N, C-alpha and C. Protein backbone atom coordinates (compact mmCIF):
# COMPACT_ATOMS: atom_id res chain seq x y z
N MET A 1 14.94 -40.01 -9.64
CA MET A 1 15.10 -39.09 -8.53
C MET A 1 13.76 -38.99 -7.78
N ALA A 2 13.78 -39.06 -6.47
CA ALA A 2 12.57 -39.02 -5.65
C ALA A 2 12.06 -37.59 -5.53
N GLU A 3 10.74 -37.46 -5.55
CA GLU A 3 10.11 -36.14 -5.41
C GLU A 3 10.03 -35.79 -3.93
N VAL A 4 10.41 -34.55 -3.60
CA VAL A 4 10.35 -34.08 -2.22
C VAL A 4 9.05 -33.30 -2.04
N VAL A 5 8.26 -33.67 -1.04
CA VAL A 5 6.99 -33.02 -0.78
C VAL A 5 7.00 -32.50 0.65
N ASP A 6 6.65 -31.25 0.81
CA ASP A 6 6.53 -30.65 2.14
C ASP A 6 5.17 -31.04 2.69
N VAL A 7 5.14 -31.95 3.64
CA VAL A 7 3.90 -32.48 4.19
C VAL A 7 3.10 -31.37 4.86
N GLY A 8 3.76 -30.42 5.50
CA GLY A 8 3.06 -29.31 6.16
C GLY A 8 2.27 -28.48 5.16
N VAL A 9 2.83 -28.21 4.00
CA VAL A 9 2.14 -27.43 2.99
C VAL A 9 0.93 -28.20 2.47
N GLU A 10 1.10 -29.49 2.21
CA GLU A 10 -0.03 -30.30 1.73
C GLU A 10 -1.15 -30.36 2.77
N LYS A 11 -0.78 -30.51 4.04
CA LYS A 11 -1.78 -30.54 5.11
C LYS A 11 -2.53 -29.21 5.17
N LYS A 12 -1.80 -28.11 5.04
CA LYS A 12 -2.41 -26.80 5.07
C LYS A 12 -3.39 -26.62 3.92
N LYS A 13 -3.00 -27.02 2.71
CA LYS A 13 -3.87 -26.88 1.55
C LYS A 13 -5.11 -27.75 1.68
N ALA A 14 -4.97 -28.94 2.19
CA ALA A 14 -6.09 -29.86 2.28
C ALA A 14 -7.13 -29.41 3.30
N SER A 15 -6.69 -28.76 4.36
CA SER A 15 -7.63 -28.39 5.42
C SER A 15 -8.19 -26.99 5.24
N GLY A 16 -7.75 -26.25 4.22
CA GLY A 16 -8.27 -24.90 4.02
C GLY A 16 -7.61 -23.89 4.93
N GLY A 17 -6.45 -24.16 5.42
CA GLY A 17 -5.74 -23.28 6.35
C GLY A 17 -5.08 -24.15 7.38
N VAL A 18 -4.27 -23.56 8.23
CA VAL A 18 -3.58 -24.35 9.23
C VAL A 18 -4.56 -25.09 10.10
N ASP A 19 -5.61 -24.44 10.55
CA ASP A 19 -6.63 -25.10 11.36
C ASP A 19 -8.03 -24.82 10.82
N GLY A 20 -8.16 -24.55 9.52
CA GLY A 20 -9.45 -24.31 8.90
C GLY A 20 -10.06 -22.98 9.30
N ARG A 21 -9.23 -21.99 9.61
CA ARG A 21 -9.71 -20.66 10.00
C ARG A 21 -9.19 -19.61 9.03
N LEU A 22 -9.77 -18.44 9.15
CA LEU A 22 -9.35 -17.30 8.34
C LEU A 22 -8.33 -16.47 9.10
N GLN A 23 -7.50 -15.77 8.37
CA GLN A 23 -6.64 -14.75 8.94
C GLN A 23 -7.16 -13.42 8.40
N ILE A 24 -7.49 -12.46 9.27
CA ILE A 24 -8.00 -11.16 8.84
C ILE A 24 -6.97 -10.10 9.17
N VAL A 25 -6.67 -9.26 8.17
CA VAL A 25 -5.72 -8.17 8.34
C VAL A 25 -6.39 -6.90 7.84
N VAL A 26 -6.46 -5.88 8.69
CA VAL A 26 -7.06 -4.60 8.33
C VAL A 26 -5.97 -3.54 8.40
N VAL A 27 -5.75 -2.87 7.25
CA VAL A 27 -4.66 -1.91 7.14
C VAL A 27 -5.20 -0.56 6.68
N THR A 28 -4.77 0.51 7.35
CA THR A 28 -5.05 1.88 6.93
C THR A 28 -3.72 2.50 6.51
N PRO A 29 -3.74 3.69 5.92
CA PRO A 29 -2.48 4.31 5.54
C PRO A 29 -1.54 4.54 6.73
N GLU A 30 -2.09 4.70 7.91
CA GLU A 30 -1.28 4.99 9.09
C GLU A 30 -0.71 3.75 9.78
N ARG A 31 -1.51 2.63 9.78
CA ARG A 31 -1.06 1.48 10.58
C ARG A 31 -1.88 0.24 10.26
N THR A 32 -1.43 -0.88 10.79
CA THR A 32 -2.21 -2.11 10.76
C THR A 32 -3.14 -2.06 11.96
N VAL A 33 -4.44 -1.99 11.70
CA VAL A 33 -5.44 -1.84 12.76
C VAL A 33 -5.71 -3.17 13.44
N LEU A 34 -5.69 -4.24 12.67
CA LEU A 34 -6.11 -5.53 13.20
C LEU A 34 -5.41 -6.65 12.43
N GLU A 35 -5.01 -7.67 13.16
CA GLU A 35 -4.46 -8.88 12.56
C GLU A 35 -4.79 -10.02 13.52
N GLN A 36 -5.75 -10.87 13.12
CA GLN A 36 -6.18 -11.95 14.00
C GLN A 36 -6.80 -13.09 13.19
N GLU A 37 -7.02 -14.22 13.86
CA GLU A 37 -7.72 -15.34 13.25
C GLU A 37 -9.21 -15.17 13.45
N ALA A 38 -9.99 -15.74 12.53
CA ALA A 38 -11.45 -15.62 12.62
C ALA A 38 -12.10 -16.85 12.00
N ASP A 39 -13.35 -17.09 12.40
CA ASP A 39 -14.14 -18.16 11.82
C ASP A 39 -14.98 -17.66 10.64
N PHE A 40 -15.34 -16.37 10.68
CA PHE A 40 -16.21 -15.78 9.66
C PHE A 40 -15.94 -14.28 9.59
N VAL A 41 -16.00 -13.73 8.38
CA VAL A 41 -15.85 -12.29 8.18
C VAL A 41 -16.95 -11.82 7.23
N ALA A 42 -17.61 -10.71 7.57
CA ALA A 42 -18.59 -10.08 6.69
C ALA A 42 -18.01 -8.75 6.23
N LEU A 43 -17.90 -8.58 4.92
CA LEU A 43 -17.32 -7.38 4.33
C LEU A 43 -18.41 -6.49 3.74
N PRO A 44 -18.34 -5.16 3.98
CA PRO A 44 -19.32 -4.24 3.39
C PRO A 44 -18.85 -3.80 2.00
N LEU A 45 -19.20 -4.55 0.98
CA LEU A 45 -18.84 -4.15 -0.37
C LEU A 45 -19.70 -2.98 -0.81
N TYR A 46 -19.28 -2.27 -1.83
CA TYR A 46 -20.01 -1.07 -2.27
C TYR A 46 -21.41 -1.41 -2.76
N ASP A 47 -21.64 -2.65 -3.18
CA ASP A 47 -22.96 -3.02 -3.72
C ASP A 47 -23.65 -4.12 -2.91
N GLY A 48 -23.23 -4.32 -1.67
CA GLY A 48 -23.84 -5.33 -0.81
C GLY A 48 -22.82 -5.89 0.16
N GLU A 49 -23.22 -6.91 0.87
CA GLU A 49 -22.35 -7.52 1.87
C GLU A 49 -21.86 -8.87 1.37
N LEU A 50 -20.60 -9.20 1.68
CA LEU A 50 -20.02 -10.48 1.31
C LEU A 50 -19.58 -11.21 2.57
N GLY A 51 -20.13 -12.41 2.79
CA GLY A 51 -19.72 -13.25 3.90
C GLY A 51 -18.59 -14.16 3.45
N VAL A 52 -17.59 -14.33 4.31
CA VAL A 52 -16.41 -15.12 3.96
C VAL A 52 -16.19 -16.19 5.02
N LEU A 53 -16.14 -17.44 4.56
CA LEU A 53 -15.81 -18.59 5.40
C LEU A 53 -14.50 -19.19 4.90
N PRO A 54 -13.83 -19.99 5.72
CA PRO A 54 -12.61 -20.64 5.25
C PRO A 54 -12.87 -21.44 3.98
N GLY A 55 -11.89 -21.42 3.07
CA GLY A 55 -12.01 -22.15 1.82
C GLY A 55 -12.64 -21.34 0.71
N ARG A 56 -12.91 -20.06 0.94
CA ARG A 56 -13.53 -19.19 -0.06
C ARG A 56 -12.62 -19.04 -1.27
N ALA A 57 -13.20 -19.03 -2.44
CA ALA A 57 -12.44 -18.81 -3.67
C ALA A 57 -11.83 -17.40 -3.63
N PRO A 58 -10.70 -17.21 -4.27
CA PRO A 58 -10.07 -15.88 -4.28
C PRO A 58 -10.97 -14.84 -4.93
N VAL A 59 -10.93 -13.64 -4.36
CA VAL A 59 -11.72 -12.53 -4.90
C VAL A 59 -11.10 -11.21 -4.44
N ILE A 60 -11.29 -10.19 -5.25
CA ILE A 60 -10.94 -8.83 -4.88
C ILE A 60 -12.21 -8.01 -5.02
N GLY A 61 -12.51 -7.19 -4.02
CA GLY A 61 -13.74 -6.40 -4.06
C GLY A 61 -13.53 -4.99 -3.58
N ARG A 62 -14.36 -4.11 -4.07
CA ARG A 62 -14.34 -2.71 -3.64
C ARG A 62 -15.26 -2.56 -2.43
N LEU A 63 -14.75 -1.98 -1.37
CA LEU A 63 -15.53 -1.79 -0.16
C LEU A 63 -16.34 -0.51 -0.24
N GLY A 64 -17.48 -0.54 0.43
CA GLY A 64 -18.28 0.66 0.62
C GLY A 64 -18.11 1.14 2.05
N TYR A 65 -18.95 2.09 2.46
CA TYR A 65 -18.95 2.53 3.85
C TYR A 65 -19.83 1.56 4.61
N GLY A 66 -19.34 1.02 5.72
CA GLY A 66 -20.21 0.12 6.46
C GLY A 66 -19.50 -0.68 7.51
N GLU A 67 -20.18 -1.75 7.90
CA GLU A 67 -19.74 -2.57 9.03
C GLU A 67 -18.94 -3.78 8.58
N LEU A 68 -17.76 -3.90 9.12
CA LEU A 68 -16.93 -5.09 8.98
C LEU A 68 -17.16 -5.92 10.24
N ARG A 69 -17.65 -7.14 10.08
CA ARG A 69 -17.89 -8.02 11.22
C ARG A 69 -16.93 -9.19 11.17
N ILE A 70 -16.36 -9.49 12.33
CA ILE A 70 -15.39 -10.57 12.44
C ILE A 70 -15.83 -11.46 13.59
N ARG A 71 -16.16 -12.72 13.27
CA ARG A 71 -16.60 -13.65 14.30
C ARG A 71 -15.50 -14.67 14.56
N SER A 72 -15.17 -14.80 15.82
CA SER A 72 -14.18 -15.78 16.25
C SER A 72 -14.76 -16.47 17.49
N GLY A 73 -15.15 -17.72 17.31
CA GLY A 73 -15.83 -18.42 18.40
C GLY A 73 -17.17 -17.77 18.67
N ASP A 74 -17.44 -17.43 19.93
CA ASP A 74 -18.70 -16.79 20.30
C ASP A 74 -18.60 -15.26 20.31
N THR A 75 -17.46 -14.72 19.93
CA THR A 75 -17.23 -13.28 19.99
C THR A 75 -17.29 -12.67 18.59
N THR A 76 -17.99 -11.56 18.48
CA THR A 76 -18.06 -10.82 17.22
C THR A 76 -17.50 -9.42 17.45
N HIS A 77 -16.52 -9.05 16.64
CA HIS A 77 -15.94 -7.71 16.67
C HIS A 77 -16.49 -6.95 15.48
N ARG A 78 -16.85 -5.68 15.70
CA ARG A 78 -17.45 -4.87 14.65
C ARG A 78 -16.63 -3.60 14.45
N TYR A 79 -16.45 -3.23 13.18
CA TYR A 79 -15.69 -2.03 12.82
C TYR A 79 -16.44 -1.27 11.74
N PHE A 80 -16.32 0.04 11.76
CA PHE A 80 -16.76 0.87 10.64
C PHE A 80 -15.56 1.00 9.70
N VAL A 81 -15.77 0.70 8.41
CA VAL A 81 -14.72 0.91 7.42
C VAL A 81 -15.20 1.94 6.41
N ASP A 82 -14.27 2.76 6.01
CA ASP A 82 -14.55 3.92 5.17
C ASP A 82 -14.12 3.66 3.73
N GLY A 83 -14.74 2.64 3.11
CA GLY A 83 -14.40 2.31 1.72
C GLY A 83 -13.06 1.60 1.64
N GLY A 84 -12.58 1.42 0.42
CA GLY A 84 -11.29 0.76 0.20
C GLY A 84 -11.44 -0.49 -0.64
N PHE A 85 -10.57 -1.45 -0.38
CA PHE A 85 -10.56 -2.71 -1.13
C PHE A 85 -10.33 -3.88 -0.20
N ALA A 86 -10.82 -5.04 -0.60
CA ALA A 86 -10.59 -6.27 0.15
C ALA A 86 -10.10 -7.34 -0.82
N GLN A 87 -9.18 -8.16 -0.33
CA GLN A 87 -8.69 -9.30 -1.09
C GLN A 87 -8.84 -10.53 -0.22
N ILE A 88 -9.35 -11.60 -0.84
CA ILE A 88 -9.47 -12.89 -0.15
C ILE A 88 -8.65 -13.87 -0.96
N ARG A 89 -7.69 -14.50 -0.30
CA ARG A 89 -6.82 -15.46 -0.99
C ARG A 89 -6.18 -16.38 0.04
N ASP A 90 -6.27 -17.67 -0.18
CA ASP A 90 -5.65 -18.66 0.71
C ASP A 90 -6.04 -18.44 2.17
N ASN A 91 -7.32 -18.22 2.42
CA ASN A 91 -7.86 -18.02 3.77
C ASN A 91 -7.31 -16.78 4.48
N VAL A 92 -6.80 -15.83 3.72
CA VAL A 92 -6.37 -14.56 4.27
C VAL A 92 -7.27 -13.47 3.69
N VAL A 93 -7.93 -12.73 4.57
CA VAL A 93 -8.79 -11.62 4.17
C VAL A 93 -8.01 -10.34 4.50
N THR A 94 -7.63 -9.61 3.46
CA THR A 94 -6.88 -8.37 3.64
C THR A 94 -7.79 -7.21 3.28
N VAL A 95 -7.94 -6.27 4.22
CA VAL A 95 -8.79 -5.10 4.03
C VAL A 95 -7.88 -3.87 4.01
N LEU A 96 -7.92 -3.14 2.91
CA LEU A 96 -7.19 -1.87 2.78
C LEU A 96 -8.23 -0.76 2.78
N THR A 97 -8.20 0.10 3.78
CA THR A 97 -9.22 1.13 3.93
C THR A 97 -8.60 2.42 4.43
N GLY A 98 -9.26 3.52 4.12
CA GLY A 98 -8.78 4.81 4.59
C GLY A 98 -8.94 4.98 6.09
N ARG A 99 -9.95 4.31 6.65
CA ARG A 99 -10.21 4.42 8.09
C ARG A 99 -10.97 3.20 8.57
N ALA A 100 -10.58 2.70 9.73
CA ALA A 100 -11.28 1.59 10.39
C ALA A 100 -11.41 1.96 11.86
N VAL A 101 -12.66 1.98 12.36
CA VAL A 101 -12.92 2.38 13.73
C VAL A 101 -13.74 1.28 14.41
N ALA A 102 -13.27 0.81 15.55
CA ALA A 102 -14.03 -0.18 16.32
C ALA A 102 -15.37 0.43 16.71
N ALA A 103 -16.44 -0.34 16.64
CA ALA A 103 -17.80 0.15 16.90
C ALA A 103 -17.90 0.86 18.24
N GLU A 104 -17.26 0.32 19.25
CA GLU A 104 -17.36 0.92 20.59
C GLU A 104 -16.62 2.26 20.68
N ARG A 105 -15.78 2.58 19.71
CA ARG A 105 -15.03 3.85 19.73
C ARG A 105 -15.67 4.93 18.86
N ILE A 106 -16.78 4.62 18.21
CA ILE A 106 -17.46 5.60 17.37
C ILE A 106 -18.19 6.61 18.26
N ASP A 107 -18.02 7.88 17.95
CA ASP A 107 -18.69 8.97 18.66
C ASP A 107 -20.01 9.24 17.93
N ALA A 108 -21.11 8.78 18.52
CA ALA A 108 -22.43 8.91 17.87
C ALA A 108 -22.81 10.37 17.66
N ALA A 109 -22.49 11.24 18.61
CA ALA A 109 -22.83 12.66 18.47
C ALA A 109 -22.08 13.28 17.31
N ALA A 110 -20.81 12.95 17.16
CA ALA A 110 -20.01 13.48 16.05
C ALA A 110 -20.53 12.94 14.71
N ALA A 111 -20.91 11.67 14.68
CA ALA A 111 -21.44 11.09 13.44
C ALA A 111 -22.78 11.74 13.08
N ALA A 112 -23.62 12.01 14.08
CA ALA A 112 -24.90 12.67 13.84
C ALA A 112 -24.66 14.10 13.32
N ALA A 113 -23.66 14.78 13.88
CA ALA A 113 -23.34 16.13 13.41
C ALA A 113 -22.82 16.08 11.97
N ASP A 114 -22.01 15.08 11.65
CA ASP A 114 -21.52 14.91 10.28
C ASP A 114 -22.67 14.66 9.31
N LEU A 115 -23.66 13.87 9.74
CA LEU A 115 -24.82 13.60 8.91
C LEU A 115 -25.61 14.88 8.65
N GLU A 116 -25.84 15.65 9.71
CA GLU A 116 -26.58 16.90 9.56
C GLU A 116 -25.85 17.87 8.62
N LYS A 117 -24.54 17.96 8.78
CA LYS A 117 -23.73 18.83 7.93
C LYS A 117 -23.79 18.37 6.47
N ALA A 118 -23.68 17.07 6.26
CA ALA A 118 -23.73 16.52 4.90
C ALA A 118 -25.08 16.75 4.25
N GLU A 119 -26.15 16.57 5.03
CA GLU A 119 -27.50 16.77 4.49
C GLU A 119 -27.76 18.24 4.12
N LYS A 120 -27.12 19.16 4.83
CA LYS A 120 -27.33 20.58 4.58
C LYS A 120 -26.34 21.15 3.55
N ALA A 121 -25.39 20.33 3.11
CA ALA A 121 -24.37 20.81 2.17
C ALA A 121 -24.99 21.25 0.85
N ARG A 122 -24.41 22.27 0.27
CA ARG A 122 -24.85 22.76 -1.04
C ARG A 122 -24.52 21.73 -2.10
N ALA A 123 -25.46 21.50 -3.01
CA ALA A 123 -25.23 20.50 -4.05
C ALA A 123 -25.88 20.96 -5.36
N LEU A 124 -25.14 21.77 -6.10
CA LEU A 124 -25.67 22.29 -7.36
C LEU A 124 -25.04 21.62 -8.57
N THR A 125 -23.77 21.33 -8.48
CA THR A 125 -23.06 20.70 -9.61
C THR A 125 -23.06 19.19 -9.42
N PRO A 126 -22.80 18.44 -10.46
CA PRO A 126 -22.71 16.98 -10.31
C PRO A 126 -21.66 16.55 -9.28
N ASP A 127 -20.53 17.24 -9.22
CA ASP A 127 -19.49 16.90 -8.23
C ASP A 127 -19.98 17.16 -6.81
N GLU A 128 -20.70 18.26 -6.62
CA GLU A 128 -21.24 18.58 -5.29
C GLU A 128 -22.32 17.58 -4.88
N VAL A 129 -23.14 17.18 -5.82
CA VAL A 129 -24.18 16.18 -5.54
C VAL A 129 -23.53 14.86 -5.13
N ALA A 130 -22.49 14.45 -5.84
CA ALA A 130 -21.79 13.21 -5.51
C ALA A 130 -21.12 13.30 -4.14
N ALA A 131 -20.48 14.43 -3.86
CA ALA A 131 -19.81 14.61 -2.56
C ALA A 131 -20.84 14.59 -1.42
N LYS A 132 -21.98 15.22 -1.65
CA LYS A 132 -23.04 15.22 -0.63
C LYS A 132 -23.54 13.79 -0.39
N ALA A 133 -23.78 13.05 -1.45
CA ALA A 133 -24.27 11.67 -1.31
C ALA A 133 -23.25 10.81 -0.55
N ARG A 134 -21.96 10.99 -0.85
CA ARG A 134 -20.92 10.23 -0.14
C ARG A 134 -20.91 10.59 1.35
N GLY A 135 -21.01 11.88 1.64
CA GLY A 135 -21.00 12.33 3.03
C GLY A 135 -22.19 11.79 3.82
N VAL A 136 -23.36 11.81 3.20
CA VAL A 136 -24.57 11.29 3.85
C VAL A 136 -24.44 9.77 4.06
N ALA A 137 -24.00 9.06 3.03
CA ALA A 137 -23.85 7.59 3.13
C ALA A 137 -22.84 7.22 4.21
N ARG A 138 -21.72 7.93 4.25
CA ARG A 138 -20.66 7.65 5.25
C ARG A 138 -21.20 7.86 6.67
N ALA A 139 -21.86 8.98 6.92
CA ALA A 139 -22.37 9.29 8.26
C ALA A 139 -23.47 8.30 8.67
N ARG A 140 -24.36 7.98 7.74
CA ARG A 140 -25.42 7.01 8.06
C ARG A 140 -24.84 5.64 8.37
N ALA A 141 -23.84 5.22 7.62
CA ALA A 141 -23.22 3.92 7.87
C ALA A 141 -22.56 3.90 9.24
N MET A 142 -21.89 4.98 9.58
CA MET A 142 -21.23 5.04 10.89
C MET A 142 -22.26 4.96 12.01
N LEU A 143 -23.38 5.65 11.86
CA LEU A 143 -24.43 5.60 12.88
C LEU A 143 -25.04 4.20 12.97
N ARG A 144 -25.20 3.51 11.83
CA ARG A 144 -25.72 2.14 11.85
C ARG A 144 -24.79 1.20 12.60
N VAL A 145 -23.48 1.33 12.36
CA VAL A 145 -22.51 0.47 13.04
C VAL A 145 -22.56 0.73 14.54
N LYS A 146 -22.64 1.99 14.93
CA LYS A 146 -22.68 2.34 16.36
C LYS A 146 -23.94 1.82 17.02
N SER A 147 -25.08 1.85 16.32
CA SER A 147 -26.36 1.49 16.93
C SER A 147 -26.57 0.00 17.11
N HIS A 148 -25.81 -0.84 16.43
CA HIS A 148 -26.00 -2.29 16.55
C HIS A 148 -25.36 -2.83 17.77
């Protein structure tokens, strides 16, 4: 009996994607924020940044507060992501986050006010100290994304 091979699937696997590009999907609890092709994606992991090119080995990572960068051709799109998780598999980068805001839509004054409030927050118990640190880190990350 002859073996049937789907040539399209083999071509896709050999090239690292349909055309050697990534598919990026950003999802929040409310909606899909973004779904597009990209040449490169930089993810803000909780312990550093991870750059992703087509053909990347599968990985799951925990996101921190920071900048998600998506490069497609000569254009770079930037987003603030508020933690979550990322999965990379078969040239698809899936980002699950509580919030994703395009850099140009960030309100710098509101982020600065959030930073001031977080820095002044009472922190006597270990839980309060942790909450304060998260608030400060989140506000600083948002201001960094806006300022670039």
